[in-house]
Amino acid sequence: MQILIVIILVIAVLLVIFTLQNSIEVSIQLFFWEIANAPLVLVLLSCLALGYLVALIYFYPRFWKLKREYNQMIKFNAELNELHSMNHPGKKRDNAARVVENPEGDEMAGEDDTSFFND
């Protein structure tokens, strides 16, 4: 949590420095409108915010579609695990509790028993 506060403070300081260095006034023309004497920093930050909003609106439906598909796959996986446990009552299928017997991999032929990995 403290790292997040430090990162926010650093970003705030960089924003203040950016604001002070870009305090000139510019005029903006868009079709028939003209905005005179607008601070450059406000123009840049508003363009940044507008770009963020456009990207958010564009990707929001895709995000919810992927989330819905993920939830469907979780339900489907639970159903498959339940069917598997009904067909094989002696075997318990729990991927999270699976124990790996040899995490280093297969032993190579000709290795002696004094190897570092056999300890």
PDB file of N, CA and C in Angstrom:
ATOM      1  N   MET A   1       0.824  -1.191   0.000  1.00  0.00           N
ATOM      2  CA  MET A   1       0.000   0.000   0.000  1.00  0.00           C
ATOM      3  C   MET A   1       0.870   1.257   0.000  1.00  0.00           C
ATOM      4  N   GLN A   2       1.985   1.206   0.713  1.00  0.00           N
ATOM      5  CA  GLN A   2       2.860   2.367   0.771  1.00  0.00           C
ATOM      6  C   GLN A   2       3.530   2.621  -0.574  1.00  0.00           C
ATOM      7  N   ILE A   3       3.793   1.565  -1.321  1.00  0.00           N
ATOM      8  CA  ILE A   3       4.405   1.730  -2.647  1.00  0.00           C
ATOM      9  C   ILE A   3       3.427   2.452  -3.577  1.00  0.00           C
ATOM     10  N   LEU A   4       2.151   2.138  -3.462  1.00  0.00           N
ATOM     11  CA  LEU A   4       1.135   2.802  -4.277  1.00  0.00           C
ATOM     12  C   LEU A   4       1.082   4.295  -3.964  1.00  0.00           C
ATOM     13  N   ILE A   5       1.175   4.663  -2.708  1.00  0.00           N
ATOM     14  CA  ILE A   5       1.168   6.075  -2.316  1.00  0.00           C
ATOM     15  C   ILE A   5       2.390   6.791  -2.876  1.00  0.00           C
ATOM     16  N   VAL A   6       3.535   6.144  -2.832  1.00  0.00           N
ATOM     17  CA  VAL A   6       4.762   6.747  -3.372  1.00  0.00           C
ATOM     18  C   VAL A   6       4.628   6.941  -4.879  1.00  0.00           C
ATOM     19  N   ILE A   7       4.073   5.950  -5.567  1.00  0.00           N
ATOM     20  CA  ILE A   7       3.902   6.069  -7.019  1.00  0.00           C
ATOM     21  C   ILE A   7       2.944   7.208  -7.356  1.00  0.00           C
ATOM     22  N   ILE A   8       1.849   7.331  -6.607  1.00  0.00           N
ATOM     23  CA  ILE A   8       0.891   8.425  -6.846  1.00  0.00           C
ATOM     24  C   ILE A   8       1.544   9.776  -6.594  1.00  0.00           C
ATOM     25  N   LEU A   9       2.354   9.883  -5.543  1.00  0.00           N
ATOM     26  CA  LEU A   9       3.040  11.144  -5.261  1.00  0.00           C
ATOM     27  C   LEU A   9       4.035  11.497  -6.362  1.00  0.00           C
ATOM     28  N   VAL A  10       4.756  10.515  -6.870  1.00  0.00           N
ATOM     29  CA  VAL A  10       5.714  10.769  -7.954  1.00  0.00           C
ATOM     30  C   VAL A  10       4.979  11.236  -9.201  1.00  0.00           C
ATOM     31  N   ILE A  11       3.854  10.600  -9.520  1.00  0.00           N
ATOM     32  CA  ILE A  11       3.071  11.018 -10.685  1.00  0.00           C
ATOM     33  C   ILE A  11       2.528  12.433 -10.495  1.00  0.00           C
ATOM     34  N   ALA A  12       2.093  12.758  -9.277  1.00  0.00           N
ATOM     35  CA  ALA A  12       1.578  14.100  -9.006  1.00  0.00           C
ATOM     36  C   ALA A  12       2.680  15.146  -9.165  1.00  0.00           C
ATOM     37  N   VAL A  13       3.871  14.849  -8.687  1.00  0.00           N
ATOM     38  CA  VAL A  13       4.987  15.792  -8.835  1.00  0.00           C
ATOM     39  C   VAL A  13       5.340  15.970 -10.306  1.00  0.00           C
ATOM     40  N   LEU A  14       5.355  14.875 -11.067  1.00  0.00           N
ATOM     41  CA  LEU A  14       5.637  14.973 -12.502  1.00  0.00           C
ATOM     42  C   LEU A  14       4.553  15.768 -13.227  1.00  0.00           C
ATOM     43  N   LEU A  15       3.312  15.648 -12.803  1.00  0.00           N
ATOM     44  CA  LEU A  15       2.227  16.423 -13.398  1.00  0.00           C
ATOM     45  C   LEU A  15       2.381  17.911 -13.105  1.00  0.00           C
ATOM     46  N   VAL A  16       2.791  18.244 -11.888  1.00  0.00           N
ATOM     47  CA  VAL A  16       3.018  19.659 -11.544  1.00  0.00           C
ATOM     48  C   VAL A  16       4.166  20.218 -12.380  1.00  0.00           C
ATOM     49  N   ILE A  17       5.242  19.469 -12.515  1.00  0.00           N
ATOM     50  CA  ILE A  17       6.381  19.928 -13.329  1.00  0.00           C
ATOM     51  C   ILE A  17       5.938  20.102 -14.778  1.00  0.00           C
ATOM     52  N   PHE A  18       5.172  19.150 -15.294  1.00  0.00           N
ATOM     53  CA  PHE A  18       4.661  19.241 -16.662  1.00  0.00           C
ATOM     54  C   PHE A  18       3.787  20.477 -16.833  1.00  0.00           C
ATOM     55  N   THR A  19       2.949  20.760 -15.850  1.00  0.00           N
ATOM     56  CA  THR A  19       2.066  21.924 -15.907  1.00  0.00           C
ATOM     57  C   THR A  19       2.867  23.219 -15.917  1.00  0.00           C
ATOM     58  N   LEU A  20       3.873  23.308 -15.076  1.00  0.00           N
ATOM     59  CA  LEU A  20       4.672  24.532 -15.004  1.00  0.00           C
ATOM     60  C   LEU A  20       5.492  24.759 -16.274  1.00  0.00           C
ATOM     61  N   GLN A  21       5.949  23.691 -16.899  1.00  0.00           N
ATOM     62  CA  GLN A  21       6.771  23.850 -18.096  1.00  0.00           C
ATOM     63  C   GLN A  21       5.929  24.112 -19.350  1.00  0.00           C
ATOM     64  N   ASN A  22       4.647  23.800 -19.315  1.00  0.00           N
ATOM     65  CA  ASN A  22       3.783  23.979 -20.486  1.00  0.00           C
ATOM     66  C   ASN A  22       2.642  24.939 -20.177  1.00  0.00           C
ATOM     67  N   SER A  23       2.967  26.077 -19.657  1.00  0.00           N
ATOM     68  CA  SER A  23       1.929  27.031 -19.259  1.00  0.00           C
ATOM     69  C   SER A  23       1.643  28.081 -20.334  1.00  0.00           C
ATOM     70  N   ILE A  24       2.147  27.894 -21.544  1.00  0.00           N
ATOM     71  CA  ILE A  24       1.880  28.864 -22.602  1.00  0.00           C
ATOM     72  C   ILE A  24       0.439  28.717 -23.090  1.00  0.00           C
ATOM     73  N   GLU A  25      -0.055  29.729 -23.730  1.00  0.00           N
ATOM     74  CA  GLU A  25      -1.426  29.715 -24.228  1.00  0.00           C
ATOM     75  C   GLU A  25      -1.423  29.495 -25.729  1.00  0.00           C
ATOM     76  N   VAL A  26      -2.359  28.701 -26.179  1.00  0.00           N
ATOM     77  CA  VAL A  26      -2.481  28.390 -27.599  1.00  0.00           C
ATOM     78  C   VAL A  26      -3.920  28.630 -28.026  1.00  0.00           C
ATOM     79  N   SER A  27      -4.120  28.760 -29.322  1.00  0.00           N
ATOM     80  CA  SER A  27      -5.493  28.855 -29.830  1.00  0.00           C
ATOM     81  C   SER A  27      -5.789  27.583 -30.624  1.00  0.00           C
ATOM     82  N   ILE A  28      -6.988  27.087 -30.439  1.00  0.00           N
ATOM     83  CA  ILE A  28      -7.397  25.830 -31.052  1.00  0.00           C
ATOM     84  C   ILE A  28      -8.520  26.112 -32.039  1.00  0.00           C
ATOM     85  N   GLN A  29      -8.405  25.533 -33.218  1.00  0.00           N
ATOM     86  CA  GLN A  29      -9.448  25.686 -34.222  1.00  0.00           C
ATOM     87  C   GLN A  29      -9.955  24.300 -34.595  1.00  0.00           C
ATOM     88  N   LEU A  30     -11.271  24.131 -34.489  1.00  0.00           N
ATOM     89  CA  LEU A  30     -11.905  22.871 -34.858  1.00  0.00           C
ATOM     90  C   LEU A  30     -13.126  23.206 -35.692  1.00  0.00           C
ATOM     91  N   PHE A  31     -13.050  22.906 -36.962  1.00  0.00           N
ATOM     92  CA  PHE A  31     -14.087  23.242 -37.945  1.00  0.00           C
ATOM     93  C   PHE A  31     -14.380  24.745 -37.899  1.00  0.00           C
ATOM     94  N   PHE A  32     -15.552  25.118 -37.352  1.00  0.00           N
ATOM     95  CA  PHE A  32     -15.910  26.531 -37.328  1.00  0.00           C
ATOM     96  C   PHE A  32     -15.681  27.181 -35.976  1.00  0.00           C
ATOM     97  N   TRP A  33     -15.270  26.403 -35.003  1.00  0.00           N
ATOM     98  CA  TRP A  33     -15.055  26.949 -33.662  1.00  0.00           C
ATOM     99  C   TRP A  33     -13.600  27.302 -33.461  1.00  0.00           C
ATOM    100  N   GLU A  34     -13.397  28.295 -32.651  1.00  0.00           N
ATOM    101  CA  GLU A  34     -12.038  28.694 -32.285  1.00  0.00           C
ATOM    102  C   GLU A  34     -12.013  28.979 -30.787  1.00  0.00           C
ATOM    103  N   ILE A  35     -11.087  28.357 -30.122  1.00  0.00           N
ATOM    104  CA  ILE A  35     -10.873  28.606 -28.700  1.00  0.00           C
ATOM    105  C   ILE A  35      -9.543  29.333 -28.593  1.00  0.00           C
ATOM    106  N   ALA A  36      -9.621  30.581 -28.180  1.00  0.00           N
ATOM    107  CA  ALA A  36      -8.405  31.398 -28.096  1.00  0.00           C
ATOM    108  C   ALA A  36      -7.866  31.379 -26.666  1.00  0.00           C
ATOM    109  N   ASN A  37      -6.550  31.450 -26.563  1.00  0.00           N
ATOM    110  CA  ASN A  37      -5.845  31.562 -25.286  1.00  0.00           C
ATOM    111  C   ASN A  37      -6.156  30.418 -24.319  1.00  0.00           C
ATOM    112  N   ALA A  38      -6.137  29.206 -24.819  1.00  0.00           N
ATOM    113  CA  ALA A  38      -6.315  28.034 -23.963  1.00  0.00           C
ATOM    114  C   ALA A  38      -4.940  27.582 -23.478  1.00  0.00           C
ATOM    115  N   PRO A  39      -4.802  27.256 -22.192  1.00  0.00           N
ATOM    116  CA  PRO A  39      -3.500  26.772 -21.697  1.00  0.00           C
ATOM    117  C   PRO A  39      -3.140  25.440 -22.366  1.00  0.00           C
ATOM    118  N   LEU A  40      -1.889  25.340 -22.787  1.00  0.00           N
ATOM    119  CA  LEU A  40      -1.422  24.140 -23.489  1.00  0.00           C
ATOM    120  C   LEU A  40      -1.575  22.899 -22.634  1.00  0.00           C
ATOM    121  N   VAL A  41      -1.310  23.021 -21.344  1.00  0.00           N
ATOM    122  CA  VAL A  41      -1.394  21.846 -20.476  1.00  0.00           C
ATOM    123  C   VAL A  41      -2.826  21.330 -20.397  1.00  0.00           C
ATOM    124  N   LEU A  42      -3.813  22.213 -20.393  1.00  0.00           N
ATOM    125  CA  LEU A  42      -5.205  21.761 -20.370  1.00  0.00           C
ATOM    126  C   LEU A  42      -5.596  21.093 -21.681  1.00  0.00           C
ATOM    127  N   VAL A  43      -5.090  21.616 -22.780  1.00  0.00           N
ATOM    128  CA  VAL A  43      -5.368  21.016 -24.080  1.00  0.00           C
ATOM    129  C   VAL A  43      -4.780  19.606 -24.135  1.00  0.00           C
ATOM    130  N   LEU A  44      -3.538  19.461 -23.698  1.00  0.00           N
ATOM    131  CA  LEU A  44      -2.897  18.152 -23.738  1.00  0.00           C
ATOM    132  C   LEU A  44      -3.575  17.158 -22.793  1.00  0.00           C
ATOM    133  N   LEU A  45      -3.887  17.589 -21.577  1.00  0.00           N
ATOM    134  CA  LEU A  45      -4.523  16.685 -20.620  1.00  0.00           C
ATOM    135  C   LEU A  45      -5.945  16.316 -21.043  1.00  0.00           C
ATOM    136  N   SER A  46      -6.665  17.270 -21.653  1.00  0.00           N
ATOM    137  CA  SER A  46      -8.011  16.938 -22.130  1.00  0.00           C
ATOM    138  C   SER A  46      -7.953  15.971 -23.304  1.00  0.00           C
ATOM    139  N   CYS A  47      -6.965  16.112 -24.180  1.00  0.00           N
ATOM    140  CA  CYS A  47      -6.799  15.150 -25.280  1.00  0.00           C
ATOM    141  C   CYS A  47      -6.445  13.765 -24.737  1.00  0.00           C
ATOM    142  N   LEU A  48      -5.622  13.717 -23.714  1.00  0.00           N
ATOM    143  CA  LEU A  48      -5.266  12.449 -23.081  1.00  0.00           C
ATOM    144  C   LEU A  48      -6.500  11.793 -22.458  1.00  0.00           C
ATOM    145  N   ALA A  49      -7.302  12.572 -21.738  1.00  0.00           N
ATOM    146  CA  ALA A  49      -8.519  12.045 -21.110  1.00  0.00           C
ATOM    147  C   ALA A  49      -9.526  11.596 -22.171  1.00  0.00           C
ATOM    148  N   LEU A  50      -9.646  12.353 -23.249  1.00  0.00           N
ATOM    149  CA  LEU A  50     -10.566  11.982 -24.320  1.00  0.00           C
ATOM    150  C   LEU A  50     -10.125  10.679 -24.990  1.00  0.00           C
ATOM    151  N   GLY A  51      -8.841  10.521 -25.215  1.00  0.00           N
ATOM    152  CA  GLY A  51      -8.328   9.272 -25.784  1.00  0.00           C
ATOM    153  C   GLY A  51      -8.572   8.092 -24.868  1.00  0.00           C
ATOM    154  N   TYR A  52      -8.424   8.295 -23.565  1.00  0.00           N
ATOM    155  CA  TYR A  52      -8.693   7.237 -22.597  1.00  0.00           C
ATOM    156  C   TYR A  52     -10.174   6.847 -22.637  1.00  0.00           C
ATOM    157  N   LEU A  53     -11.056   7.831 -22.694  1.00  0.00           N
ATOM    158  CA  LEU A  53     -12.494   7.537 -22.737  1.00  0.00           C
ATOM    159  C   LEU A  53     -12.888   6.799 -24.007  1.00  0.00           C
ATOM    160  N   VAL A  54     -12.324   7.190 -25.139  1.00  0.00           N
ATOM    161  CA  VAL A  54     -12.626   6.518 -26.402  1.00  0.00           C
ATOM    162  C   VAL A  54     -12.164   5.057 -26.336  1.00  0.00           C
ATOM    163  N   ALA A  55     -10.969   4.821 -25.821  1.00  0.00           N
ATOM    164  CA  ALA A  55     -10.474   3.451 -25.692  1.00  0.00           C
ATOM    165  C   ALA A  55     -11.329   2.649 -24.715  1.00  0.00           C
ATOM    166  N   LEU A  56     -11.755   3.260 -23.631  1.00  0.00           N
ATOM    167  CA  LEU A  56     -12.598   2.587 -22.644  1.00  0.00           C
ATOM    168  C   LEU A  56     -13.939   2.197 -23.258  1.00  0.00           C
ATOM    169  N   ILE A  57     -14.537   3.101 -23.995  1.00  0.00           N
ATOM    170  CA  ILE A  57     -15.825   2.815 -24.645  1.00  0.00           C
ATOM    171  C   ILE A  57     -15.661   1.726 -25.706  1.00  0.00           C
ATOM    172  N   TYR A  58     -14.547   1.736 -26.404  1.00  0.00           N
ATOM    173  CA  TYR A  58     -14.313   0.745 -27.455  1.00  0.00           C
ATOM    174  C   TYR A  58     -14.097  -0.652 -26.877  1.00  0.00           C
ATOM    175  N   PHE A  59     -13.304  -0.769 -25.784  1.00  0.00           N
ATOM    176  CA  PHE A  59     -12.951  -2.076 -25.240  1.00  0.00           C
ATOM    177  C   PHE A  59     -13.913  -2.584 -24.170  1.00  0.00           C
ATOM    178  N   TYR A  60     -14.825  -1.783 -23.693  1.00  0.00           N
ATOM    179  CA  TYR A  60     -15.735  -2.199 -22.626  1.00  0.00           C
ATOM    180  C   TYR A  60     -16.599  -3.397 -23.024  1.00  0.00           C
ATOM    181  N   PRO A  61     -17.232  -3.414 -24.199  1.00  0.00           N
ATOM    182  CA  PRO A  61     -18.014  -4.605 -24.577  1.00  0.00           C
ATOM    183  C   PRO A  61     -17.157  -5.863 -24.720  1.00  0.00           C
ATOM    184  N   ARG A  62     -15.962  -5.720 -25.240  1.00  0.00           N
ATOM    185  CA  ARG A  62     -15.078  -6.884 -25.374  1.00  0.00           C
ATOM    186  C   ARG A  62     -14.689  -7.438 -24.007  1.00  0.00           C
ATOM    187  N   PHE A  63     -14.441  -6.548 -23.062  1.00  0.00           N
ATOM    188  CA  PHE A  63     -14.077  -6.971 -21.714  1.00  0.00           C
ATOM    189  C   PHE A  63     -15.197  -7.794 -21.096  1.00  0.00           C
ATOM    190  N   TRP A  64     -16.438  -7.317 -21.214  1.00  0.00           N
ATOM    191  CA  TRP A  64     -17.555  -8.042 -20.623  1.00  0.00           C
ATOM    192  C   TRP A  64     -17.820  -9.357 -21.347  1.00  0.00           C
ATOM    193  N   LYS A  65     -17.580  -9.405 -22.649  1.00  0.00           N
ATOM    194  CA  LYS A  65     -17.744 -10.648 -23.387  1.00  0.00           C
ATOM    195  C   LYS A  65     -16.724 -11.679 -22.919  1.00  0.00           C
ATOM    196  N   LEU A  66     -15.476 -11.273 -22.767  1.00  0.00           N
ATOM    197  CA  LEU A  66     -14.449 -12.189 -22.281  1.00  0.00           C
ATOM    198  C   LEU A  66     -14.734 -12.641 -20.859  1.00  0.00           C
ATOM    199  N   LYS A  67     -15.233 -11.742 -20.028  1.00  0.00           N
ATOM    200  CA  LYS A  67     -15.555 -12.100 -18.652  1.00  0.00           C
ATOM    201  C   LYS A  67     -16.700 -13.118 -18.619  1.00  0.00           C
ATOM    202  N   ARG A  68     -17.718 -12.926 -19.456  1.00  0.00           N
ATOM    203  CA  ARG A  68     -18.830 -13.859 -19.524  1.00  0.00           C
ATOM    204  C   ARG A  68     -18.351 -15.231 -20.015  1.00  0.00           C
ATOM    205  N   GLU A  69     -17.498 -15.257 -21.042  1.00  0.00           N
ATOM    206  CA  GLU A  69     -16.964 -16.523 -21.539  1.00  0.00           C
ATOM    207  C   GLU A  69     -16.106 -17.219 -20.484  1.00  0.00           C
ATOM    208  N   TYR A  70     -15.342 -16.443 -19.720  1.00  0.00           N
ATOM    209  CA  TYR A  70     -14.516 -17.019 -18.661  1.00  0.00           C
ATOM    210  C   TYR A  70     -15.398 -17.664 -17.595  1.00  0.00           C
ATOM    211  N   ASN A  71     -16.462 -16.994 -17.188  1.00  0.00           N
ATOM    212  CA  ASN A  71     -17.366 -17.561 -16.188  1.00  0.00           C
ATOM    213  C   ASN A  71     -18.047 -18.814 -16.710  1.00  0.00           C
ATOM    214  N   GLN A  72     -18.394 -18.844 -17.998  1.00  0.00           N
ATOM    215  CA  GLN A  72     -18.981 -20.042 -18.582  1.00  0.00           C
ATOM    216  C   GLN A  72     -17.996 -21.201 -18.571  1.00  0.00           C
ATOM    217  N   MET A  73     -16.731 -20.923 -18.852  1.00  0.00           N
ATOM    218  CA  MET A  73     -15.715 -21.971 -18.826  1.00  0.00           C
ATOM    219  C   MET A  73     -15.483 -22.497 -17.412  1.00  0.00           C
ATOM    220  N   ILE A  74     -15.555 -21.617 -16.417  1.00  0.00           N
ATOM    221  CA  ILE A  74     -15.406 -22.050 -15.023  1.00  0.00           C
ATOM    222  C   ILE A  74     -16.554 -22.990 -14.654  1.00  0.00           C
ATOM    223  N   LYS A  75     -17.783 -22.642 -15.028  1.00  0.00           N
ATOM    224  CA  LYS A  75     -18.939 -23.509 -14.751  1.00  0.00           C
ATOM    225  C   LYS A  75     -18.818 -24.835 -15.499  1.00  0.00           C
ATOM    226  N   PHE A  76     -18.395 -24.781 -16.743  1.00  0.00           N
ATOM    227  CA  PHE A  76     -18.228 -25.989 -17.538  1.00  0.00           C
ATOM    228  C   PHE A  76     -17.163 -26.894 -16.936  1.00  0.00           C
ATOM    229  N   ASN A  77     -16.072 -26.307 -16.466  1.00  0.00           N
ATOM    230  CA  ASN A  77     -15.005 -27.073 -15.838  1.00  0.00           C
ATOM    231  C   ASN A  77     -15.496 -27.725 -14.547  1.00  0.00           C
ATOM    232  N   ALA A  78     -16.308 -27.009 -13.756  1.00  0.00           N
ATOM    233  CA  ALA A  78     -16.855 -27.580 -12.525  1.00  0.00           C
ATOM    234  C   ALA A  78     -17.778 -28.750 -12.847  1.00  0.00           C
ATOM    235  N   GLU A  79     -18.584 -28.610 -13.897  1.00  0.00           N
ATOM    236  CA  GLU A  79     -19.467 -29.703 -14.301  1.00  0.00           C
ATOM    237  C   GLU A  79     -18.672 -30.916 -14.761  1.00  0.00           C
ATOM    238  N   LEU A  80     -17.602 -30.690 -15.520  1.00  0.00           N
ATOM    239  CA  LEU A  80     -16.763 -31.806 -15.966  1.00  0.00           C
ATOM    240  C   LEU A  80     -16.090 -32.496 -14.787  1.00  0.00           C
ATOM    241  N   ASN A  81     -15.610 -31.730 -13.826  1.00  0.00           N
ATOM    242  CA  ASN A  81     -14.994 -32.327 -12.637  1.00  0.00           C
ATOM    243  C   ASN A  81     -16.013 -33.137 -11.849  1.00  0.00           C
ATOM    244  N   GLU A  82     -17.253 -32.649 -11.773  1.00  0.00           N
ATOM    245  CA  GLU A  82     -18.301 -33.384 -11.065  1.00  0.00           C
ATOM    246  C   GLU A  82     -18.625 -34.685 -11.790  1.00  0.00           C
ATOM    247  N   LEU A  83     -18.728 -34.644 -13.128  1.00  0.00           N
ATOM    248  CA  LEU A  83     -18.978 -35.865 -13.895  1.00  0.00           C
ATOM    249  C   LEU A  83     -17.825 -36.852 -13.754  1.00  0.00           C
ATOM    250  N   HIS A  84     -16.614 -36.344 -13.748  1.00  0.00           N
ATOM    251  CA  HIS A  84     -15.452 -37.208 -13.601  1.00  0.00           C
ATOM    252  C   HIS A  84     -15.447 -37.879 -12.237  1.00  0.00           C
ATOM    253  N   SER A  85     -15.798 -37.133 -11.201  1.00  0.00           N
ATOM    254  CA  SER A  85     -15.815 -37.729  -9.863  1.00  0.00           C
ATOM    255  C   SER A  85     -16.957 -38.734  -9.726  1.00  0.00           C
ATOM    256  N   MET A  86     -18.053 -38.547 -10.468  1.00  0.00           N
ATOM    257  CA  MET A  86     -19.146 -39.524 -10.428  1.00  0.00           C
ATOM    258  C   MET A  86     -18.749 -40.806 -11.156  1.00  0.00           C
ATOM    259  N   ASN A  87     -17.994 -40.695 -12.243  1.00  0.00           N
ATOM    260  CA  ASN A  87     -17.572 -41.865 -13.012  1.00  0.00           C
ATOM    261  C   ASN A  87     -16.406 -42.599 -12.371  1.00  0.00           C
ATOM    262  N   HIS A  88     -15.571 -41.881 -11.643  1.00  0.00           N
ATOM    263  CA  HIS A  88     -14.409 -42.466 -10.975  1.00  0.00           C
ATOM    264  C   HIS A  88     -14.464 -42.087  -9.498  1.00  0.00           C
ATOM    265  N   PRO A  89     -15.280 -42.795  -8.700  1.00  0.00           N
ATOM    266  CA  PRO A  89     -15.459 -42.387  -7.306  1.00  0.00           C
ATOM    267  C   PRO A  89     -14.206 -42.573  -6.444  1.00  0.00           C
ATOM    268  N   GLY A  90     -13.311 -43.455  -6.813  1.00  0.00           N
ATOM    269  CA  GLY A  90     -12.106 -43.679  -6.009  1.00  0.00           C
ATOM    270  C   GLY A  90     -11.046 -42.621  -6.218  1.00  0.00           C
ATOM    271  N   LYS A  91     -11.083 -41.982  -7.356  1.00  0.00           N
ATOM    272  CA  LYS A  91     -10.080 -40.969  -7.683  1.00  0.00           C
ATOM    273  C   LYS A  91     -10.637 -39.588  -7.404  1.00  0.00           C
ATOM    274  N   LYS A  92      -9.870 -38.805  -6.701  1.00  0.00           N
ATOM    275  CA  LYS A  92     -10.289 -37.432  -6.455  1.00  0.00           C
ATOM    276  C   LYS A  92      -9.512 -36.539  -7.403  1.00  0.00           C
ATOM    277  N   ARG A  93     -10.215 -35.730  -8.156  1.00  0.00           N
ATOM    278  CA  ARG A  93      -9.572 -34.868  -9.149  1.00  0.00           C
ATOM    279  C   ARG A  93      -9.583 -33.446  -8.624  1.00  0.00           C
ATOM    280  N   ASP A  94      -8.443 -33.023  -8.103  1.00  0.00           N
ATOM    281  CA  ASP A  94      -8.310 -31.667  -7.592  1.00  0.00           C
ATOM    282  C   ASP A  94      -6.998 -31.104  -8.120  1.00  0.00           C
ATOM    283  N   ASN A  95      -7.082 -30.252  -9.109  1.00  0.00           N
ATOM    284  CA  ASN A  95      -5.886 -29.711  -9.753  1.00  0.00           C
ATOM    285  C   ASN A  95      -5.065 -28.857  -8.805  1.00  0.00           C
ATOM    286  N   ALA A  96      -5.704 -28.180  -7.865  1.00  0.00           N
ATOM    287  CA  ALA A  96      -4.977 -27.300  -6.963  1.00  0.00           C
ATOM    288  C   ALA A  96      -4.165 -28.084  -5.949  1.00  0.00           C
ATOM    289  N   ALA A  97      -4.628 -29.265  -5.586  1.00  0.00           N
ATOM    290  CA  ALA A  97      -3.953 -30.038  -4.539  1.00  0.00           C
ATOM    291  C   ALA A  97      -3.071 -31.139  -5.121  1.00  0.00           C
ATOM    292  N   ARG A  98      -2.861 -31.142  -6.417  1.00  0.00           N
ATOM    293  CA  ARG A  98      -2.038 -32.161  -7.043  1.00  0.00           C
ATOM    294  C   ARG A  98      -0.588 -32.009  -6.589  1.00  0.00           C
ATOM    295  N   VAL A  99       0.018 -33.101  -6.174  1.00  0.00           N
ATOM    296  CA  VAL A  99       1.391 -33.089  -5.679  1.00  0.00           C
ATOM    297  C   VAL A  99       2.304 -33.603  -6.778  1.00  0.00           C
ATOM    298  N   VAL A 100       3.343 -32.873  -7.046  1.00  0.00           N
ATOM    299  CA  VAL A 100       4.317 -33.282  -8.051  1.00  0.00           C
ATOM    300  C   VAL A 100       5.364 -34.122  -7.349  1.00  0.00           C
ATOM    301  N   GLU A 101       5.554 -35.360  -7.835  1.00  0.00           N
ATOM    302  CA  GLU A 101       6.472 -36.263  -7.166  1.00  0.00           C
ATOM    303  C   GLU A 101       7.927 -35.868  -7.375  1.00  0.00           C
ATOM    304  N   ASN A 102       8.288 -35.454  -8.570  1.00  0.00           N
ATOM    305  CA  ASN A 102       9.664 -35.096  -8.859  1.00  0.00           C
ATOM    306  C   ASN A 102       9.678 -33.756  -9.569  1.00  0.00           C
ATOM    307  N   PRO A 103       9.741 -32.634  -8.838  1.00  0.00           N
ATOM    308  CA  PRO A 103       9.642 -31.325  -9.480  1.00  0.00           C
ATOM    309  C   PRO A 103      10.842 -30.973 -10.347  1.00  0.00           C
ATOM    310  N   GLU A 104      11.980 -31.662 -10.169  1.00  0.00           N
ATOM    311  CA  GLU A 104      13.159 -31.353 -10.977  1.00  0.00           C
ATOM    312  C   GLU A 104      13.092 -32.002 -12.350  1.00  0.00           C
ATOM    313  N   GLY A 105      12.199 -32.939 -12.537  1.00  0.00           N
ATOM    314  CA  GLY A 105      12.096 -33.633 -13.810  1.00  0.00           C
ATOM    315  C   GLY A 105      12.581 -35.063 -13.689  1.00  0.00           C
ATOM    316  N   ASP A 106      12.732 -35.728 -14.808  1.00  0.00           N
ATOM    317  CA  ASP A 106      13.177 -37.118 -14.807  1.00  0.00           C
ATOM    318  C   ASP A 106      14.661 -37.190 -14.537  1.00  0.00           C
ATOM    319  N   GLU A 107      15.045 -38.261 -13.854  1.00  0.00           N
ATOM    320  CA  GLU A 107      16.466 -38.453 -13.598  1.00  0.00           C
ATOM    321  C   GLU A 107      17.127 -38.966 -14.865  1.00  0.00           C
ATOM    322  N   MET A 108      18.348 -38.552 -15.062  1.00  0.00           N
ATOM    323  CA  MET A 108      19.079 -38.995 -16.234  1.00  0.00           C
ATOM    324  C   MET A 108      19.814 -40.282 -15.895  1.00  0.00           C
ATOM    325  N   ALA A 109      19.983 -41.125 -16.878  1.00  0.00           N
ATOM    326  CA  ALA A 109      20.672 -42.394 -16.661  1.00  0.00           C
ATOM    327  C   ALA A 109      22.136 -42.130 -16.349  1.00  0.00           C
ATOM    328  N   GLY A 110      22.664 -42.879 -15.379  1.00  0.00           N
ATOM    329  CA  GLY A 110      24.071 -42.770 -15.052  1.00  0.00           C
ATOM    330  C   GLY A 110      24.388 -41.746 -13.987  1.00  0.00           C
ATOM    331  N   GLU A 111      23.382 -41.104 -13.392  1.00  0.00           N
ATOM    332  CA  GLU A 111      23.663 -40.142 -12.336  1.00  0.00           C
ATOM    333  C   GLU A 111      23.934 -40.886 -11.043  1.00  0.00           C
ATOM    334  N   ASP A 112      24.858 -40.384 -10.270  1.00  0.00           N
ATOM    335  CA  ASP A 112      25.129 -40.992  -8.984  1.00  0.00           C
ATOM    336  C   ASP A 112      24.192 -40.422  -7.927  1.00  0.00           C
ATOM    337  N   ASP A 113      24.125 -41.055  -6.772  1.00  0.00           N
ATOM    338  CA  ASP A 113      23.190 -40.659  -5.707  1.00  0.00           C
ATOM    339  C   ASP A 113      23.693 -39.465  -4.917  1.00  0.00           C
ATOM    340  N   THR A 114      24.868 -38.947  -5.187  1.00  0.00           N
ATOM    341  CA  THR A 114      25.390 -37.815  -4.432  1.00  0.00           C
ATOM    342  C   THR A 114      25.118 -36.494  -5.132  1.00  0.00           C
ATOM    343  N   SER A 115      24.224 -36.500  -6.080  1.00  0.00           N
ATOM    344  CA  SER A 115      23.896 -35.295  -6.825  1.00  0.00           C
ATOM    345  C   SER A 115      23.209 -34.282  -5.922  1.00  0.00           C
ATOM    346  N   PHE A 116      23.318 -33.031  -6.250  1.00  0.00           N
ATOM    347  CA  PHE A 116      22.715 -31.949  -5.477  1.00  0.00           C
ATOM    348  C   PHE A 116      21.192 -32.059  -5.458  1.00  0.00           C
ATOM    349  N   PHE A 117      20.585 -32.441  -6.577  1.00  0.00           N
ATOM    350  CA  PHE A 117      19.135 -32.477  -6.693  1.00  0.00           C
ATOM    351  C   PHE A 117      18.516 -33.708  -6.028  1.00  0.00           C
ATOM    352  N   ASN A 118      19.300 -34.686  -5.683  1.00  0.00           N
ATOM    353  CA  ASN A 118      18.755 -35.877  -5.036  1.00  0.00           C
ATOM    354  C   ASN A 118      18.689 -35.738  -3.532  1.00  0.00           C
ATOM    355  N   ASP A 119      19.131 -34.621  -2.987  1.00  0.00           N
ATOM    356  CA  ASP A 119      19.093 -34.426  -1.532  1.00  0.00           C
ATOM    357  C   ASP A 119      17.717 -34.198  -1.020  1.00  0.00           C
TER     358      ASP A 119
END
